[in-house]
Amino acid sequence: MVRFTVLASGSRGNSTIVCGGQTRILVDAGLSCRELFRRMRLAGEDPGKLDAIIVTHEHQDHVNGLAVTARKLGIPVYFTEATHRAWMRWLSPRRRMTYAQWLEQCRQQNAARRAEMQTIADEPEAEAEDSLADSENGSQPDGPGAELRADGSAETLSAGAPQGPREKGKDPAWLPSIEYFHSGEPFAIGDISVCPFTISHDAADPVGFVFAAEGVRMALVTDLGYISPNVKLQLKGADLLLLESNHDLDMLRDGPYPWAVKQRVLSRVGHLSNEAAADFLESAYDGNATYIVLGHLSENNNLPELARISAERALSGRASLLANRLLLALQHEPLASILF
C-alpha cells in the first residue's frame, strides 16, 4: 500500500510522510519534534517506523524540528550538500564584532601564546629529567589513547569518543547520519524511488520531489516563484500532485507585509500565487493525477476558499479534468491520509 500524509503545510511549518512498501520517509520537519509526533499519531502514523528524513531546502519552516527528530529516532537525513551547509550556518550563526573588538581579541590571543611559551621555558630542569627517566623506563601516561604534549604533560583521549566540531551532545547540527543527493539524479530510499529536481526559490539549493512506489508517482513541489519548464516536465504523469498555492495577489498587495517582503514573495524566487497555480492547472497540467493537493497557503495573504475557487475554475474549463479530486493542506491540522 502507498500512503501520502500531509502533517502540516504553511508558513509556520511544513512536513509530509510518504509511505511505500516497507519504507516511510518524512519530507521536511518544519514543526517541533513533539508536534510532529503528535500529528503523526493523529494521522495514524508511528514515528518509530520512520526510515529517513529528506529536506527540500533550509528555510526554518521546513527544518525547525529536523535535528531533534533525527537524533531522537536515530535515522539518516538526506540533503543536497549546499542545503546541508546552509542549514548548519543557520544553526551556528557567526558572531559579529567591531574592528576594535577584533584587535582586542588578537591582543589577548597573542598574550596567551607568549605566556604559554614563557611557562614552557621556565619549567624546572628536574621535571624534564623525571620525564626523560619515565620515558627511558618505558612507562606511559595512564589511560587509553594517552599522548605526550610538547611540554611533557599527558593528554588522554577516550577510545572511540567523537572528536571535533560535530561532537554529539555539544553541536546543535549533529545528526546520526547524513546522506547527500544531487538534483536531477534519482536514487532510492528503501522501497521508494526519489527523483529530486531544481525549483526556483531563494534558498541555497531548493528542490521538489517525485516519489515512486508500487507503480504510484507522487509529486511534491512548493516554495517556488514560478513553474519552469523542467518542473512542468517532472510533474507529468503524477498520480498525486502537491502544488503550492501560496497567496492571493490582491491580499498580498494590500496586506501587512513590508514592501520588500512583498517583492520577495512576488519574485521568481518567491512563492506561487493562486493565479499562477491555476494557470498551470489550466494550460500545462496533463490531468493524470487522481489527487491535487494545494499547499503552503499563506495565513496572512490567502484564504482556503480563494485557493480552492481559483483551482476549481481552472479544472472546470477542461472537462477531462473533472475527475481530479481537489484537496487543501492546512497549517493547523494534518490532512487525512491519501491511499493508493
C-alpha atoms as a PDB file:
ATOM      1  CA  MET A   1       0.000   0.000   0.000  1.00  0.00           C
ATOM      2  CA  VAL A   2       1.142   3.530  -0.813  1.00  0.00           C
ATOM      3  CA  ARG A   3       0.208   6.345   1.546  1.00  0.00           C
ATOM      4  CA  PHE A   4       0.715  10.131   1.418  1.00  0.00           C
ATOM      5  CA  THR A   5       0.022  12.186   4.560  1.00  0.00           C
ATOM      6  CA  VAL A   6       0.482  15.953   4.856  1.00  0.00           C
ATOM      7  CA  LEU A   7       1.097  16.709   8.526  1.00  0.00           C
ATOM      8  CA  ALA A   8       1.318  20.493   8.086  1.00  0.00           C
ATOM      9  CA  SER A   9       1.609  22.957   5.234  1.00  0.00           C
ATOM     10  CA  GLY A  10       2.085  26.701   5.535  1.00  0.00           C
ATOM     11  CA  SER A  11       4.460  29.463   6.550  1.00  0.00           C
ATOM     12  CA  ARG A  12       4.691  28.180  10.173  1.00  0.00           C
ATOM     13  CA  GLY A  13       5.780  24.652   9.353  1.00  0.00           C
ATOM     14  CA  ASN A  14       5.741  22.014   6.607  1.00  0.00           C
ATOM     15  CA  SER A  15       6.003  18.249   6.827  1.00  0.00           C
ATOM     16  CA  THR A  16       4.711  15.259   4.858  1.00  0.00           C
ATOM     17  CA  ILE A  17       5.026  11.481   5.203  1.00  0.00           C
ATOM     18  CA  VAL A  18       5.423   9.288   2.111  1.00  0.00           C
ATOM     19  CA  CYS A  19       4.964   5.534   2.630  1.00  0.00           C
ATOM     20  CA  GLY A  20       5.563   2.779   0.105  1.00  0.00           C
ATOM     21  CA  GLY A  21       6.255  -0.904   0.672  1.00  0.00           C
ATOM     22  CA  GLN A  22       8.115  -1.173   3.981  1.00  0.00           C
ATOM     23  CA  THR A  23       9.596   2.341   3.779  1.00  0.00           C
ATOM     24  CA  ARG A  24       8.428   5.563   5.434  1.00  0.00           C
ATOM     25  CA  ILE A  25      10.012   8.930   4.630  1.00  0.00           C
ATOM     26  CA  LEU A  26       9.425  12.240   6.391  1.00  0.00           C
ATOM     27  CA  VAL A  27       9.661  15.072   3.875  1.00  0.00           C
ATOM     28  CA  ASP A  28      10.827  18.171   5.798  1.00  0.00           C
ATOM     29  CA  ALA A  29      10.493  18.654   9.551  1.00  0.00           C
ATOM     30  CA  GLY A  30       9.189  22.175   9.918  1.00  0.00           C
ATOM     31  CA  LEU A  31       7.387  21.623  13.231  1.00  0.00           C
ATOM     32  CA  SER A  32       8.914  20.828  16.604  1.00  0.00           C
ATOM     33  CA  CYS A  33       9.687  17.180  17.251  1.00  0.00           C
ATOM     34  CA  ARG A  34       6.917  16.962  19.841  1.00  0.00           C
ATOM     35  CA  GLU A  35       4.335  18.470  17.462  1.00  0.00           C
ATOM     36  CA  LEU A  36       5.461  16.251  14.597  1.00  0.00           C
ATOM     37  CA  PHE A  37       4.986  13.159  16.735  1.00  0.00           C
ATOM     38  CA  ARG A  38       1.593  14.382  17.931  1.00  0.00           C
ATOM     39  CA  ARG A  39       0.378  14.937  14.390  1.00  0.00           C
ATOM     40  CA  MET A  40       1.755  11.634  13.193  1.00  0.00           C
ATOM     41  CA  ARG A  41      -0.215   9.828  15.866  1.00  0.00           C
ATOM     42  CA  LEU A  42      -3.343  11.803  14.915  1.00  0.00           C
ATOM     43  CA  ALA A  43      -2.846  10.615  11.353  1.00  0.00           C
ATOM     44  CA  GLY A  44      -2.315   7.001  12.426  1.00  0.00           C
ATOM     45  CA  GLU A  45       1.429   7.006  11.740  1.00  0.00           C
ATOM     46  CA  ASP A  46       4.025   5.558  14.116  1.00  0.00           C
ATOM     47  CA  PRO A  47       7.043   7.903  14.475  1.00  0.00           C
ATOM     48  CA  GLY A  48       9.243   4.954  15.412  1.00  0.00           C
ATOM     49  CA  LYS A  49       8.755   3.409  11.960  1.00  0.00           C
ATOM     50  CA  LEU A  50      10.226   6.330  10.023  1.00  0.00           C
ATOM     51  CA  ASP A  51      13.255   5.312   7.958  1.00  0.00           C
ATOM     52  CA  ALA A  52      14.623   8.690   6.886  1.00  0.00           C
ATOM     53  CA  ILE A  53      14.078  12.431   6.648  1.00  0.00           C
ATOM     54  CA  ILE A  54      14.563  14.216   3.341  1.00  0.00           C
ATOM     55  CA  VAL A  55      14.835  18.010   3.066  1.00  0.00           C
ATOM     56  CA  THR A  56      13.629  20.309   0.280  1.00  0.00           C
ATOM     57  CA  HIS A  57      15.564  23.387   1.478  1.00  0.00           C
ATOM     58  CA  GLU A  58      16.925  25.024   4.612  1.00  0.00           C
ATOM     59  CA  HIS A  59      14.273  27.642   5.467  1.00  0.00           C
ATOM     60  CA  GLN A  60      13.076  27.446   9.054  1.00  0.00           C
ATOM     61  CA  ASP A  61       9.508  26.406   8.257  1.00  0.00           C
ATOM     62  CA  HIS A  62      10.958  23.234   6.699  1.00  0.00           C
ATOM     63  CA  VAL A  63      13.719  22.321   9.181  1.00  0.00           C
ATOM     64  CA  ASN A  64      12.637  23.658  12.573  1.00  0.00           C
ATOM     65  CA  GLY A  65      12.420  20.212  14.210  1.00  0.00           C
ATOM     66  CA  LEU A  66      14.921  18.435  11.987  1.00  0.00           C
ATOM     67  CA  ALA A  67      17.872  17.850  14.310  1.00  0.00           C
ATOM     68  CA  VAL A  68      15.869  16.819  17.379  1.00  0.00           C
ATOM     69  CA  THR A  69      13.642  14.476  15.361  1.00  0.00           C
ATOM     70  CA  ALA A  70      16.548  12.783  13.583  1.00  0.00           C
ATOM     71  CA  ARG A  71      18.506  12.350  16.827  1.00  0.00           C
ATOM     72  CA  LYS A  72      15.512  11.037  18.758  1.00  0.00           C
ATOM     73  CA  LEU A  73      14.739   8.422  16.097  1.00  0.00           C
ATOM     74  CA  GLY A  74      18.352   7.730  15.082  1.00  0.00           C
ATOM     75  CA  ILE A  75      17.571   7.975  11.365  1.00  0.00           C
ATOM     76  CA  PRO A  76      19.532   9.463   8.433  1.00  0.00           C
ATOM     77  CA  VAL A  77      18.816  12.859   6.914  1.00  0.00           C
ATOM     78  CA  TYR A  78      19.067  13.392   3.152  1.00  0.00           C
ATOM     79  CA  PHE A  79      20.139  16.822   1.843  1.00  0.00           C
ATOM     80  CA  THR A  80      21.855  18.343  -1.102  1.00  0.00           C
ATOM     81  CA  GLU A  81      25.325  19.340   0.074  1.00  0.00           C
ATOM     82  CA  ALA A  82      24.583  23.061  -0.351  1.00  0.00           C
ATOM     83  CA  THR A  83      21.382  22.773   1.686  1.00  0.00           C
ATOM     84  CA  HIS A  84      23.229  20.967   4.468  1.00  0.00           C
ATOM     85  CA  ARG A  85      25.889  23.683   4.631  1.00  0.00           C
ATOM     86  CA  ALA A  86      23.243  26.421   4.694  1.00  0.00           C
ATOM     87  CA  TRP A  87      21.347  24.614   7.455  1.00  0.00           C
ATOM     88  CA  MET A  88      24.486  24.347   9.568  1.00  0.00           C
ATOM     89  CA  ARG A  89      25.203  28.061   9.088  1.00  0.00           C
ATOM     90  CA  TRP A  90      21.664  28.833  10.216  1.00  0.00           C
ATOM     91  CA  LEU A  91      22.143  26.789  13.397  1.00  0.00           C
ATOM     92  CA  SER A  92      25.572  28.281  14.114  1.00  0.00           C
ATOM     93  CA  PRO A  93      25.378  31.983  13.233  1.00  0.00           C
ATOM     94  CA  ARG A  94      28.631  33.889  13.139  1.00  0.00           C
ATOM     95  CA  ARG A  95      29.258  36.389  15.907  1.00  0.00           C
ATOM     96  CA  ARG A  96      29.677  39.923  14.633  1.00  0.00           C
ATOM     97  CA  MET A  97      32.351  42.168  16.146  1.00  0.00           C
ATOM     98  CA  THR A  98      33.693  45.660  15.610  1.00  0.00           C
ATOM     99  CA  TYR A  99      37.232  46.308  14.395  1.00  0.00           C
ATOM    100  CA  ALA A 100      38.222  47.403  17.896  1.00  0.00           C
ATOM    101  CA  GLN A 101      36.855  44.129  19.324  1.00  0.00           C
ATOM    102  CA  TRP A 102      38.790  42.152  16.742  1.00  0.00           C
ATOM    103  CA  LEU A 103      42.028  43.965  17.645  1.00  0.00           C
ATOM    104  CA  GLU A 104      41.440  43.272  21.343  1.00  0.00           C
ATOM    105  CA  GLN A 105      40.801  39.596  20.607  1.00  0.00           C
ATOM    106  CA  CYS A 106      44.083  39.400  18.661  1.00  0.00           C
ATOM    107  CA  ARG A 107      45.932  41.113  21.514  1.00  0.00           C
ATOM    108  CA  GLN A 108      44.568  38.631  24.081  1.00  0.00           C
ATOM    109  CA  GLN A 109      45.425  35.639  21.886  1.00  0.00           C
ATOM    110  CA  ASN A 110      48.997  36.872  21.397  1.00  0.00           C
ATOM    111  CA  ALA A 111      49.399  37.483  25.134  1.00  0.00           C
ATOM    112  CA  ALA A 112      48.179  33.971  25.889  1.00  0.00           C
ATOM    113  CA  ARG A 113      50.660  32.469  23.434  1.00  0.00           C
ATOM    114  CA  ARG A 114      53.540  34.427  24.957  1.00  0.00           C
ATOM    115  CA  ALA A 115      52.536  33.330  28.471  1.00  0.00           C
ATOM    116  CA  GLU A 116      52.385  29.687  27.372  1.00  0.00           C
ATOM    117  CA  MET A 117      55.829  29.842  25.754  1.00  0.00           C
ATOM    118  CA  GLN A 118      57.280  31.504  28.864  1.00  0.00           C
ATOM    119  CA  THR A 119      55.816  28.754  31.079  1.00  0.00           C
ATOM    120  CA  ILE A 120      57.463  26.070  28.957  1.00  0.00           C
ATOM    121  CA  ALA A 121      60.795  27.898  29.027  1.00  0.00           C
ATOM    122  CA  ASP A 122      60.701  28.316  32.844  1.00  0.00           C
ATOM    123  CA  GLU A 123      59.956  24.646  33.688  1.00  0.00           C
ATOM    124  CA  PRO A 124      62.447  23.247  36.285  1.00  0.00           C
ATOM    125  CA  GLU A 125      65.158  21.012  34.950  1.00  0.00           C
ATOM    126  CA  ALA A 126      64.068  18.342  37.435  1.00  0.00           C
ATOM    127  CA  GLU A 127      60.722  17.946  35.698  1.00  0.00           C
ATOM    128  CA  ALA A 128      62.481  17.457  32.403  1.00  0.00           C
ATOM    129  CA  GLU A 129      64.806  14.867  33.976  1.00  0.00           C
ATOM    130  CA  ASP A 130      61.858  12.991  35.539  1.00  0.00           C
ATOM    131  CA  SER A 131      60.065  12.962  32.224  1.00  0.00           C
ATOM    132  CA  LEU A 132      63.170  11.628  30.497  1.00  0.00           C
ATOM    133  CA  ALA A 133      63.567   8.909  33.148  1.00  0.00           C
ATOM    134  CA  ASP A 134      59.969   7.823  32.718  1.00  0.00           C
ATOM    135  CA  SER A 135      60.493   7.610  29.003  1.00  0.00           C
ATOM    136  CA  GLU A 136      63.658   5.533  29.373  1.00  0.00           C
ATOM    137  CA  ASN A 137      61.896   3.163  31.784  1.00  0.00           C
ATOM    138  CA  GLY A 138      59.159   2.567  29.223  1.00  0.00           C
ATOM    139  CA  SER A 139      56.361   3.989  31.348  1.00  0.00           C
ATOM    140  CA  GLN A 140      53.493   5.782  29.555  1.00  0.00           C
ATOM    141  CA  PRO A 141      50.815   8.211  30.711  1.00  0.00           C
ATOM    142  CA  ASP A 142      47.764   6.457  32.092  1.00  0.00           C
ATOM    143  CA  GLY A 143      44.636   5.799  30.064  1.00  0.00           C
ATOM    144  CA  PRO A 144      43.754   4.665  26.545  1.00  0.00           C
ATOM    145  CA  GLY A 145      44.911   6.870  23.716  1.00  0.00           C
ATOM    146  CA  ALA A 146      47.143   8.948  26.014  1.00  0.00           C
ATOM    147  CA  GLU A 147      49.676  11.141  24.263  1.00  0.00           C
ATOM    148  CA  LEU A 148      52.544  13.343  25.380  1.00  0.00           C
ATOM    149  CA  ARG A 149      52.245  17.020  24.623  1.00  0.00           C
ATOM    150  CA  ALA A 150      55.318  19.005  23.653  1.00  0.00           C
ATOM    151  CA  ASP A 151      55.626  20.226  27.246  1.00  0.00           C
ATOM    152  CA  GLY A 152      55.761  16.661  28.565  1.00  0.00           C
ATOM    153  CA  SER A 153      52.263  16.606  30.083  1.00  0.00           C
ATOM    154  CA  ALA A 154      49.789  13.870  29.287  1.00  0.00           C
ATOM    155  CA  GLU A 155      46.680  14.350  27.126  1.00  0.00           C
ATOM    156  CA  THR A 156      44.263  11.468  27.393  1.00  0.00           C
ATOM    157  CA  LEU A 157      41.741  10.732  24.647  1.00  0.00           C
ATOM    158  CA  SER A 158      38.918   8.330  25.414  1.00  0.00           C
ATOM    159  CA  ALA A 159      38.898   5.433  22.989  1.00  0.00           C
ATOM    160  CA  GLY A 160      36.139   5.804  20.410  1.00  0.00           C
ATOM    161  CA  ALA A 161      34.998   9.198  21.667  1.00  0.00           C
ATOM    162  CA  PRO A 162      33.783  11.532  18.914  1.00  0.00           C
ATOM    163  CA  GLN A 163      36.097  14.456  18.325  1.00  0.00           C
ATOM    164  CA  GLY A 164      35.880  17.790  16.547  1.00  0.00           C
ATOM    165  CA  PRO A 165      33.074  20.245  15.843  1.00  0.00           C
ATOM    166  CA  ARG A 166      30.418  17.625  15.061  1.00  0.00           C
ATOM    167  CA  GLU A 167      30.502  16.064  18.537  1.00  0.00           C
ATOM    168  CA  LYS A 168      27.184  14.638  19.721  1.00  0.00           C
ATOM    169  CA  GLY A 169      25.573  16.496  22.581  1.00  0.00           C
ATOM    170  CA  LYS A 170      27.555  19.679  22.044  1.00  0.00           C
ATOM    171  CA  ASP A 171      26.765  20.676  18.472  1.00  0.00           C
ATOM    172  CA  PRO A 172      23.160  21.605  17.513  1.00  0.00           C
ATOM    173  CA  ALA A 173      23.889  20.450  13.943  1.00  0.00           C
ATOM    174  CA  TRP A 174      24.944  16.926  14.959  1.00  0.00           C
ATOM    175  CA  LEU A 175      22.931  14.241  13.127  1.00  0.00           C
ATOM    176  CA  PRO A 176      23.060  10.433  13.424  1.00  0.00           C
ATOM    177  CA  SER A 177      23.729  10.055   9.696  1.00  0.00           C
ATOM    178  CA  ILE A 178      23.893  12.364   6.681  1.00  0.00           C
ATOM    179  CA  GLU A 179      23.318  11.350   3.067  1.00  0.00           C
ATOM    180  CA  TYR A 180      23.818  13.691   0.115  1.00  0.00           C
ATOM    181  CA  PHE A 181      21.870  13.642  -3.131  1.00  0.00           C
ATOM    182  CA  HIS A 182      22.080  15.746  -6.278  1.00  0.00           C
ATOM    183  CA  SER A 183      19.248  17.462  -8.094  1.00  0.00           C
ATOM    184  CA  GLY A 184      18.378  15.623 -11.300  1.00  0.00           C
ATOM    185  CA  GLU A 185      19.897  12.327 -10.123  1.00  0.00           C
ATOM    186  CA  PRO A 186      17.301   9.740  -8.985  1.00  0.00           C
ATOM    187  CA  PHE A 187      18.089   7.476  -6.049  1.00  0.00           C
ATOM    188  CA  ALA A 188      16.239   5.125  -3.708  1.00  0.00           C
ATOM    189  CA  ILE A 189      15.438   5.057  -0.016  1.00  0.00           C
ATOM    190  CA  GLY A 190      14.315   1.534   0.748  1.00  0.00           C
ATOM    191  CA  ASP A 191      11.268   0.709  -1.358  1.00  0.00           C
ATOM    192  CA  ILE A 192      10.734   4.297  -2.535  1.00  0.00           C
ATOM    193  CA  SER A 193      12.364   5.801  -5.611  1.00  0.00           C
ATOM    194  CA  VAL A 194      13.165   9.512  -5.253  1.00  0.00           C
ATOM    195  CA  CYS A 195      13.683  11.948  -8.111  1.00  0.00           C
ATOM    196  CA  PRO A 196      14.779  15.419  -6.915  1.00  0.00           C
ATOM    197  CA  PHE A 197      14.506  18.368  -9.298  1.00  0.00           C
ATOM    198  CA  THR A 198      15.564  22.002  -9.105  1.00  0.00           C
ATOM    199  CA  ILE A 199      12.980  24.696  -8.318  1.00  0.00           C
ATOM    200  CA  SER A 200      13.175  28.480  -8.282  1.00  0.00           C
ATOM    201  CA  HIS A 201      13.326  29.774  -4.703  1.00  0.00           C
ATOM    202  CA  ASP A 202      15.616  31.997  -2.625  1.00  0.00           C
ATOM    203  CA  ALA A 203      17.395  29.150  -0.861  1.00  0.00           C
ATOM    204  CA  ALA A 204      20.815  27.538  -1.300  1.00  0.00           C
ATOM    205  CA  ASP A 205      19.730  24.584  -3.461  1.00  0.00           C
ATOM    206  CA  PRO A 206      15.948  24.101  -3.281  1.00  0.00           C
ATOM    207  CA  VAL A 207      14.327  21.014  -4.769  1.00  0.00           C
ATOM    208  CA  GLY A 208      10.980  19.414  -5.379  1.00  0.00           C
ATOM    209  CA  PHE A 209      10.496  15.643  -5.378  1.00  0.00           C
ATOM    210  CA  VAL A 210       8.752  12.915  -7.312  1.00  0.00           C
ATOM    211  CA  PHE A 211       8.367   9.776  -5.193  1.00  0.00           C
ATOM    212  CA  ALA A 212       7.527   6.442  -6.807  1.00  0.00           C
ATOM    213  CA  ALA A 213       6.475   3.215  -5.106  1.00  0.00           C
ATOM    214  CA  GLU A 214       4.420   0.235  -6.263  1.00  0.00           C
ATOM    215  CA  GLY A 215       3.719   1.952  -9.578  1.00  0.00           C
ATOM    216  CA  VAL A 216       2.389   5.161  -7.972  1.00  0.00           C
ATOM    217  CA  ARG A 217       4.052   8.543  -8.645  1.00  0.00           C
ATOM    218  CA  MET A 218       3.643  11.342  -6.089  1.00  0.00           C
ATOM    219  CA  ALA A 219       4.979  14.834  -6.827  1.00  0.00           C
ATOM    220  CA  LEU A 220       5.660  17.456  -4.164  1.00  0.00           C
ATOM    221  CA  VAL A 221       6.504  20.982  -5.270  1.00  0.00           C
ATOM    222  CA  THR A 222       6.103  24.021  -3.029  1.00  0.00           C
ATOM    223  CA  ASP A 223       8.196  27.151  -2.345  1.00  0.00           C
ATOM    224  CA  LEU A 224       8.829  28.215  -5.925  1.00  0.00           C
ATOM    225  CA  GLY A 225       8.441  31.573  -7.614  1.00  0.00           C
ATOM    226  CA  TYR A 226       7.312  30.169 -10.938  1.00  0.00           C
ATOM    227  CA  ILE A 227       6.833  26.823 -12.679  1.00  0.00           C
ATOM    228  CA  SER A 228       9.789  26.418 -15.005  1.00  0.00           C
ATOM    229  CA  PRO A 229       9.850  24.044 -17.994  1.00  0.00           C
ATOM    230  CA  ASN A 230      11.872  21.439 -16.079  1.00  0.00           C
ATOM    231  CA  VAL A 231       9.277  21.449 -13.261  1.00  0.00           C
ATOM    232  CA  LYS A 232       6.433  21.008 -15.771  1.00  0.00           C
ATOM    233  CA  LEU A 233       8.264  18.027 -17.223  1.00  0.00           C
ATOM    234  CA  GLN A 234       8.739  16.422 -13.798  1.00  0.00           C
ATOM    235  CA  LEU A 235       5.049  16.813 -12.896  1.00  0.00           C
ATOM    236  CA  LYS A 236       3.813  14.905 -15.944  1.00  0.00           C
ATOM    237  CA  GLY A 237       2.327  11.519 -15.175  1.00  0.00           C
ATOM    238  CA  ALA A 238       1.967  12.110 -11.422  1.00  0.00           C
ATOM    239  CA  ASP A 239      -0.838  10.211  -9.696  1.00  0.00           C
ATOM    240  CA  LEU A 240      -0.772  12.744  -6.855  1.00  0.00           C
ATOM    241  CA  LEU A 241       0.321  16.358  -7.047  1.00  0.00           C
ATOM    242  CA  LEU A 242       1.034  18.579  -4.026  1.00  0.00           C
ATOM    243  CA  LEU A 243       1.274  22.069  -5.537  1.00  0.00           C
ATOM    244  CA  GLU A 244       1.867  25.422  -3.876  1.00  0.00           C
ATOM    245  CA  SER A 245      -0.964  27.970  -3.901  1.00  0.00           C
ATOM    246  CA  ASN A 246       0.574  30.452  -1.504  1.00  0.00           C
ATOM    247  CA  HIS A 247      -1.155  33.819  -1.848  1.00  0.00           C
ATOM    248  CA  ASP A 248      -3.898  35.844  -3.447  1.00  0.00           C
ATOM    249  CA  LEU A 249      -2.320  38.719  -5.375  1.00  0.00           C
ATOM    250  CA  ASP A 250      -4.739  41.384  -4.117  1.00  0.00           C
ATOM    251  CA  MET A 251      -4.484  40.235  -0.499  1.00  0.00           C
ATOM    252  CA  LEU A 252      -0.688  40.274  -0.691  1.00  0.00           C
ATOM    253  CA  ARG A 253      -0.517  43.739  -2.244  1.00  0.00           C
ATOM    254  CA  ASP A 254      -2.973  45.198   0.293  1.00  0.00           C
ATOM    255  CA  GLY A 255      -1.681  43.165   3.236  1.00  0.00           C
ATOM    256  CA  PRO A 256       0.525  43.982   6.233  1.00  0.00           C
ATOM    257  CA  TYR A 257       3.898  42.835   4.892  1.00  0.00           C
ATOM    258  CA  PRO A 258       6.648  45.411   4.256  1.00  0.00           C
ATOM    259  CA  TRP A 259       7.103  46.244   0.603  1.00  0.00           C
ATOM    260  CA  ALA A 260      10.469  44.452   0.475  1.00  0.00           C
ATOM    261  CA  VAL A 261       8.843  41.215   1.679  1.00  0.00           C
ATOM    262  CA  LYS A 262       6.011  41.599  -0.830  1.00  0.00           C
ATOM    263  CA  GLN A 263       8.550  41.980  -3.620  1.00  0.00           C
ATOM    264  CA  ARG A 264      10.343  38.862  -2.443  1.00  0.00           C
ATOM    265  CA  VAL A 265       7.138  36.778  -2.385  1.00  0.00           C
ATOM    266  CA  LEU A 266       6.108  38.055  -5.836  1.00  0.00           C
ATOM    267  CA  SER A 267       9.517  37.452  -7.396  1.00  0.00           C
ATOM    268  CA  ARG A 268      10.621  34.480  -9.483  1.00  0.00           C
ATOM    269  CA  VAL A 269      12.382  33.103  -6.398  1.00  0.00           C
ATOM    270  CA  GLY A 270       9.415  33.659  -4.093  1.00  0.00           C
ATOM    271  CA  HIS A 271       6.129  31.789  -3.840  1.00  0.00           C
ATOM    272  CA  LEU A 272       3.447  30.620  -6.252  1.00  0.00           C
ATOM    273  CA  SER A 273       0.198  32.599  -6.221  1.00  0.00           C
ATOM    274  CA  ASN A 274      -3.323  31.188  -6.581  1.00  0.00           C
ATOM    275  CA  GLU A 275      -3.392  32.657 -10.074  1.00  0.00           C
ATOM    276  CA  ALA A 276      -0.077  31.061 -11.090  1.00  0.00           C
ATOM    277  CA  ALA A 277      -1.141  27.662  -9.751  1.00  0.00           C
ATOM    278  CA  ALA A 278      -4.456  27.947 -11.602  1.00  0.00           C
ATOM    279  CA  ASP A 279      -2.693  28.936 -14.816  1.00  0.00           C
ATOM    280  CA  PHE A 280      -0.561  25.796 -14.614  1.00  0.00           C
ATOM    281  CA  LEU A 281      -3.612  23.604 -13.969  1.00  0.00           C
ATOM    282  CA  GLU A 282      -5.433  25.159 -16.900  1.00  0.00           C
ATOM    283  CA  SER A 283      -2.689  25.251 -19.503  1.00  0.00           C
ATOM    284  CA  ALA A 284       0.189  22.884 -18.657  1.00  0.00           C
ATOM    285  CA  TYR A 285      -1.153  20.191 -16.334  1.00  0.00           C
ATOM    286  CA  ASP A 286      -1.637  16.812 -18.047  1.00  0.00           C
ATOM    287  CA  GLY A 287      -4.689  15.802 -15.989  1.00  0.00           C
ATOM    288  CA  ASN A 288      -3.227  12.474 -14.871  1.00  0.00           C
ATOM    289  CA  ALA A 289      -3.371  12.946 -11.092  1.00  0.00           C
ATOM    290  CA  THR A 290      -6.178  11.376  -9.111  1.00  0.00           C
ATOM    291  CA  TYR A 291      -5.497  13.879  -6.312  1.00  0.00           C
ATOM    292  CA  ILE A 292      -4.403  17.505  -6.479  1.00  0.00           C
ATOM    293  CA  VAL A 293      -3.421  18.933  -3.089  1.00  0.00           C
ATOM    294  CA  LEU A 294      -2.993  22.693  -2.733  1.00  0.00           C
ATOM    295  CA  GLY A 295      -0.357  23.521  -0.134  1.00  0.00           C
ATOM    296  CA  HIS A 296       1.705  26.210   1.601  1.00  0.00           C
ATOM    297  CA  LEU A 297      -1.281  28.589   1.852  1.00  0.00           C
ATOM    298  CA  SER A 298      -0.349  31.892   3.495  1.00  0.00           C
ATOM    299  CA  GLU A 299      -2.320  32.659   6.647  1.00  0.00           C
ATOM    300  CA  ASN A 300      -1.960  36.414   6.083  1.00  0.00           C
ATOM    301  CA  ASN A 301      -2.296  36.688   2.318  1.00  0.00           C
ATOM    302  CA  ASN A 302      -4.692  33.938   1.315  1.00  0.00           C
ATOM    303  CA  LEU A 303      -7.906  32.155   2.193  1.00  0.00           C
ATOM    304  CA  PRO A 304      -8.580  28.448   1.605  1.00  0.00           C
ATOM    305  CA  GLU A 305     -11.765  29.392  -0.272  1.00  0.00           C
ATOM    306  CA  LEU A 306      -9.861  31.649  -2.672  1.00  0.00           C
ATOM    307  CA  ALA A 307      -7.240  28.992  -3.391  1.00  0.00           C
ATOM    308  CA  ARG A 308      -9.920  26.358  -3.979  1.00  0.00           C
ATOM    309  CA  ILE A 309     -12.040  28.569  -6.254  1.00  0.00           C
ATOM    310  CA  SER A 310      -9.048  29.504  -8.424  1.00  0.00           C
ATOM    311  CA  ALA A 311      -8.059  25.862  -8.885  1.00  0.00           C
ATOM    312  CA  GLU A 312     -11.636  24.668  -9.463  1.00  0.00           C
ATOM    313  CA  ARG A 313     -12.159  27.255 -12.185  1.00  0.00           C
ATOM    314  CA  ALA A 314      -9.001  26.138 -13.915  1.00  0.00           C
ATOM    315  CA  LEU A 315     -10.035  22.497 -13.766  1.00  0.00           C
ATOM    316  CA  SER A 316     -13.663  23.106 -14.737  1.00  0.00           C
ATOM    317  CA  GLY A 317     -12.573  24.639 -18.017  1.00  0.00           C
ATOM    318  CA  ARG A 318     -11.329  21.230 -19.149  1.00  0.00           C
ATOM    319  CA  ALA A 319     -13.956  18.514 -18.931  1.00  0.00           C
ATOM    320  CA  SER A 320     -11.336  15.759 -18.894  1.00  0.00           C
ATOM    321  CA  LEU A 321     -10.017  17.039 -15.545  1.00  0.00           C
ATOM    322  CA  LEU A 322     -13.294  16.916 -13.632  1.00  0.00           C
ATOM    323  CA  ALA A 323     -12.400  13.500 -12.199  1.00  0.00           C
ATOM    324  CA  ASN A 324      -9.432  15.031 -10.340  1.00  0.00           C
ATOM    325  CA  ARG A 325     -10.084  15.313  -6.621  1.00  0.00           C
ATOM    326  CA  LEU A 326      -9.031  18.672  -5.180  1.00  0.00           C
ATOM    327  CA  LEU A 327      -7.860  18.860  -1.554  1.00  0.00           C
ATOM    328  CA  LEU A 328      -6.362  21.593   0.638  1.00  0.00           C
ATOM    329  CA  ALA A 329      -3.459  21.008   3.026  1.00  0.00           C
ATOM    330  CA  LEU A 330      -3.645  23.336   6.023  1.00  0.00           C
ATOM    331  CA  GLN A 331      -1.336  24.602   8.724  1.00  0.00           C
ATOM    332  CA  HIS A 332      -3.128  23.672  11.923  1.00  0.00           C
ATOM    333  CA  GLU A 333      -4.087  20.027  11.326  1.00  0.00           C
ATOM    334  CA  PRO A 334      -2.952  17.015   9.283  1.00  0.00           C
ATOM    335  CA  LEU A 335      -4.713  16.112   6.076  1.00  0.00           C
ATOM    336  CA  ALA A 336      -6.376  12.689   6.013  1.00  0.00           C
ATOM    337  CA  SER A 337      -4.015  10.128   4.511  1.00  0.00           C
ATOM    338  CA  ILE A 338      -4.345   9.551   0.766  1.00  0.00           C
ATOM    339  CA  LEU A 339      -4.169   5.868  -0.081  1.00  0.00           C
ATOM    340  CA  PHE A 340      -3.386   4.066  -3.332  1.00  0.00           C
END
